[in-house]
Structure formats: structure tokens, C-alpha cells
Amino acid sequence: MGTLNVRTDEAMETALEKLAGEHGTRSEAVRYAVLRTYKEKLLEQAKADSERLEADPDDKAEMLAIQRFMGVAE
């Protein structure tokens, strides 16, 4: 496991303090924030992909590939 050093400002310190109160430590707060942000990005991408596929419903091969990747189709 790696280590990350981050410079903080007053706003970051306030956010870290609040999140650490909820998640136990500053490290856990940072892990939570990074993973939550990453999850949000993945969901945004999935939504964009879905909208793109809805615009072109004839692209069934790509839709099936995505479903297989997600484990909802065989």
C-alpha cells in the first residue's frame, strides 16, 4: 500500500475534520472521499453510455457487451 502526502488549506482542513469525525481518521476520510468521487465518475460515465446507446438503439452488440461486462447477460 502506498502513501500519499497532500497539502491542505483551511477549507480542506475543515472538510477533513468533519469527515474524520464520521469515518474515524483522516486517512479513512481521504479514502472515503476518493472512492466516493471515483464511484460518482463511474456512474456519470455509465449514464453517458446509456444515453448514447438510447440515441442509437440499433447498436445492440455494444449494449450486449456492456451487459456482459456488468454481469447481467451471458
N, C-alpha and C. Protein backbone atom coordinates (compact mmCIF):
# COMPACT_ATOMS: atom_id res chain seq x y z
N MET A 1 0.85 -1.18 0.00
CA MET A 1 0.00 0.00 0.00
C MET A 1 0.89 1.23 0.00
N GLY A 2 0.51 2.21 -0.76
CA GLY A 2 1.30 3.44 -0.89
C GLY A 2 0.91 4.49 0.13
N THR A 3 1.68 5.54 0.12
CA THR A 3 1.43 6.68 0.99
C THR A 3 1.26 7.91 0.12
N LEU A 4 0.38 8.79 0.52
CA LEU A 4 0.10 10.00 -0.24
C LEU A 4 0.23 11.20 0.69
N ASN A 5 1.01 12.17 0.27
CA ASN A 5 1.12 13.42 1.01
C ASN A 5 0.34 14.49 0.25
N VAL A 6 -0.47 15.25 0.98
CA VAL A 6 -1.32 16.25 0.35
C VAL A 6 -1.18 17.56 1.12
N ARG A 7 -1.03 18.64 0.38
CA ARG A 7 -1.04 19.97 1.01
C ARG A 7 -2.49 20.37 1.21
N THR A 8 -2.78 20.87 2.37
CA THR A 8 -4.16 21.27 2.66
C THR A 8 -4.24 22.77 2.89
N ASP A 9 -5.44 23.28 2.69
CA ASP A 9 -5.72 24.66 3.03
C ASP A 9 -6.82 24.65 4.10
N GLU A 10 -7.31 25.80 4.45
CA GLU A 10 -8.30 25.88 5.52
C GLU A 10 -9.58 25.11 5.18
N ALA A 11 -10.05 25.25 3.94
CA ALA A 11 -11.26 24.54 3.53
C ALA A 11 -11.06 23.03 3.59
N MET A 12 -9.89 22.56 3.14
CA MET A 12 -9.59 21.13 3.17
C MET A 12 -9.51 20.63 4.61
N GLU A 13 -8.90 21.40 5.48
CA GLU A 13 -8.80 21.01 6.89
C GLU A 13 -10.18 20.89 7.52
N THR A 14 -11.07 21.82 7.19
CA THR A 14 -12.44 21.77 7.71
C THR A 14 -13.14 20.51 7.22
N ALA A 15 -13.02 20.24 5.93
CA ALA A 15 -13.65 19.05 5.36
C ALA A 15 -13.06 17.78 5.97
N LEU A 16 -11.75 17.72 6.11
CA LEU A 16 -11.11 16.54 6.70
C LEU A 16 -11.55 16.33 8.14
N GLU A 17 -11.66 17.41 8.88
CA GLU A 17 -12.08 17.32 10.28
C GLU A 17 -13.49 16.72 10.37
N LYS A 18 -14.40 17.21 9.53
CA LYS A 18 -15.78 16.70 9.56
C LYS A 18 -15.83 15.24 9.10
N LEU A 19 -15.15 14.93 8.00
CA LEU A 19 -15.17 13.56 7.50
C LEU A 19 -14.48 12.59 8.46
N ALA A 20 -13.40 13.03 9.08
CA ALA A 20 -12.71 12.17 10.04
C ALA A 20 -13.61 11.87 11.23
N GLY A 21 -14.43 12.85 11.60
CA GLY A 21 -15.39 12.62 12.68
C GLY A 21 -16.40 11.53 12.32
N GLU A 22 -16.73 11.44 11.05
CA GLU A 22 -17.68 10.43 10.59
C GLU A 22 -17.02 9.09 10.27
N HIS A 23 -15.76 9.13 9.84
CA HIS A 23 -15.11 7.91 9.33
C HIS A 23 -13.93 7.45 10.18
N GLY A 24 -13.67 8.10 11.29
CA GLY A 24 -12.68 7.62 12.23
C GLY A 24 -11.34 8.32 12.20
N THR A 25 -10.69 8.38 11.05
CA THR A 25 -9.38 9.01 10.96
C THR A 25 -9.30 9.86 9.71
N ARG A 26 -8.28 10.68 9.63
CA ARG A 26 -8.07 11.48 8.43
C ARG A 26 -7.81 10.57 7.22
N SER A 27 -7.05 9.51 7.43
CA SER A 27 -6.77 8.58 6.34
C SER A 27 -8.06 7.94 5.83
N GLU A 28 -8.92 7.50 6.74
CA GLU A 28 -10.19 6.91 6.34
C GLU A 28 -11.06 7.94 5.64
N ALA A 29 -11.01 9.18 6.08
CA ALA A 29 -11.79 10.25 5.44
C ALA A 29 -11.33 10.47 4.01
N VAL A 30 -10.02 10.47 3.81
CA VAL A 30 -9.49 10.66 2.46
C VAL A 30 -9.85 9.47 1.58
N ARG A 31 -9.70 8.24 2.10
CA ARG A 31 -10.07 7.06 1.33
C ARG A 31 -11.54 7.12 0.91
N TYR A 32 -12.39 7.48 1.87
CA TYR A 32 -13.83 7.60 1.60
C TYR A 32 -14.08 8.62 0.49
N ALA A 33 -13.47 9.79 0.59
CA ALA A 33 -13.70 10.86 -0.38
C ALA A 33 -13.22 10.46 -1.77
N VAL A 34 -12.05 9.85 -1.86
CA VAL A 34 -11.52 9.45 -3.16
C VAL A 34 -12.39 8.36 -3.78
N LEU A 35 -12.73 7.34 -3.01
CA LEU A 35 -13.54 6.26 -3.55
C LEU A 35 -14.94 6.72 -3.92
N ARG A 36 -15.52 7.59 -3.13
CA ARG A 36 -16.85 8.11 -3.45
C ARG A 36 -16.81 8.93 -4.75
N THR A 37 -15.78 9.75 -4.89
CA THR A 37 -15.64 10.54 -6.10
C THR A 37 -15.44 9.64 -7.32
N TYR A 38 -14.64 8.61 -7.17
CA TYR A 38 -14.41 7.66 -8.26
C TYR A 38 -15.71 6.96 -8.65
N LYS A 39 -16.49 6.54 -7.64
CA LYS A 39 -17.77 5.89 -7.90
C LYS A 39 -18.71 6.84 -8.66
N GLU A 40 -18.74 8.09 -8.25
CA GLU A 40 -19.58 9.08 -8.94
C GLU A 40 -19.16 9.23 -10.40
N LYS A 41 -17.86 9.25 -10.66
CA LYS A 41 -17.36 9.34 -12.03
C LYS A 41 -17.78 8.13 -12.85
N LEU A 42 -17.69 6.93 -12.27
CA LEU A 42 -18.12 5.72 -12.97
C LEU A 42 -19.60 5.76 -13.29
N LEU A 43 -20.41 6.24 -12.34
CA LEU A 43 -21.85 6.34 -12.57
C LEU A 43 -22.16 7.38 -13.65
N GLU A 44 -21.44 8.49 -13.65
CA GLU A 44 -21.62 9.50 -14.70
C GLU A 44 -21.30 8.91 -16.07
N GLN A 45 -20.22 8.14 -16.15
CA GLN A 45 -19.84 7.52 -17.41
C GLN A 45 -20.88 6.50 -17.85
N ALA A 46 -21.39 5.72 -16.91
CA ALA A 46 -22.42 4.73 -17.25
C ALA A 46 -23.68 5.43 -17.76
N LYS A 47 -24.04 6.54 -17.14
CA LYS A 47 -25.21 7.29 -17.59
C LYS A 47 -24.98 7.84 -19.00
N ALA A 48 -23.81 8.39 -19.24
CA ALA A 48 -23.49 8.91 -20.58
C ALA A 48 -23.52 7.79 -21.62
N ASP A 49 -22.98 6.63 -21.26
CA ASP A 49 -23.01 5.49 -22.18
C ASP A 49 -24.44 5.06 -22.46
N SER A 50 -25.25 5.03 -21.42
CA SER A 50 -26.65 4.65 -21.57
C SER A 50 -27.39 5.61 -22.49
N GLU A 51 -27.17 6.90 -22.28
CA GLU A 51 -27.83 7.90 -23.12
C GLU A 51 -27.37 7.79 -24.57
N ARG A 52 -26.09 7.51 -24.76
CA ARG A 52 -25.57 7.36 -26.12
C ARG A 52 -26.19 6.14 -26.80
N LEU A 53 -26.32 5.05 -26.04
CA LEU A 53 -26.91 3.84 -26.62
C LEU A 53 -28.40 4.01 -26.89
N GLU A 54 -29.09 4.75 -26.04
CA GLU A 54 -30.51 5.01 -26.27
C GLU A 54 -30.71 5.83 -27.54
N ALA A 55 -29.75 6.68 -27.84
CA ALA A 55 -29.83 7.50 -29.05
C ALA A 55 -29.65 6.66 -30.31
N ASP A 56 -28.99 5.50 -30.17
CA ASP A 56 -28.75 4.61 -31.31
C ASP A 56 -29.12 3.18 -30.91
N PRO A 57 -30.43 2.88 -30.82
CA PRO A 57 -30.86 1.56 -30.34
C PRO A 57 -30.47 0.41 -31.26
N ASP A 58 -30.00 0.68 -32.47
CA ASP A 58 -29.59 -0.40 -33.36
C ASP A 58 -28.23 -0.99 -32.97
N ASP A 59 -27.54 -0.35 -32.03
CA ASP A 59 -26.21 -0.81 -31.63
C ASP A 59 -26.34 -1.86 -30.53
N LYS A 60 -26.99 -2.95 -30.84
CA LYS A 60 -27.27 -3.99 -29.84
C LYS A 60 -26.00 -4.76 -29.43
N ALA A 61 -25.03 -4.87 -30.29
CA ALA A 61 -23.79 -5.60 -29.95
C ALA A 61 -23.06 -4.90 -28.81
N GLU A 62 -22.96 -3.58 -28.88
CA GLU A 62 -22.28 -2.86 -27.81
C GLU A 62 -23.08 -2.94 -26.52
N MET A 63 -24.39 -2.84 -26.63
CA MET A 63 -25.24 -2.93 -25.44
C MET A 63 -25.07 -4.30 -24.78
N LEU A 64 -25.04 -5.36 -25.57
CA LEU A 64 -24.85 -6.69 -25.04
C LEU A 64 -23.47 -6.83 -24.39
N ALA A 65 -22.45 -6.25 -25.00
CA ALA A 65 -21.10 -6.31 -24.42
C ALA A 65 -21.05 -5.62 -23.07
N ILE A 66 -21.73 -4.49 -22.95
CA ILE A 66 -21.78 -3.79 -21.67
C ILE A 66 -22.52 -4.62 -20.63
N GLN A 67 -23.64 -5.21 -21.03
CA GLN A 67 -24.40 -6.06 -20.11
C GLN A 67 -23.56 -7.24 -19.65
N ARG A 68 -22.81 -7.83 -20.55
CA ARG A 68 -21.94 -8.95 -20.17
C ARG A 68 -20.86 -8.49 -19.20
N PHE A 69 -20.27 -7.33 -19.48
CA PHE A 69 -19.24 -6.78 -18.60
C PHE A 69 -19.80 -6.55 -17.20
N MET A 70 -21.04 -6.07 -17.13
CA MET A 70 -21.67 -5.79 -15.85
C MET A 70 -22.20 -7.05 -15.17
N GLY A 71 -22.18 -8.17 -15.90
CA GLY A 71 -22.63 -9.44 -15.33
C GLY A 71 -24.13 -9.63 -15.34
N VAL A 72 -24.83 -8.88 -16.18
CA VAL A 72 -26.29 -9.03 -16.24
C VAL A 72 -26.74 -9.77 -17.49
N ALA A 73 -25.83 -10.22 -18.31
CA ALA A 73 -26.16 -11.01 -19.50
C ALA A 73 -25.07 -12.06 -19.68
N GLU A 74 -25.43 -13.13 -20.32
CA GLU A 74 -24.46 -14.20 -20.57
C GLU A 74 -23.98 -14.18 -22.00
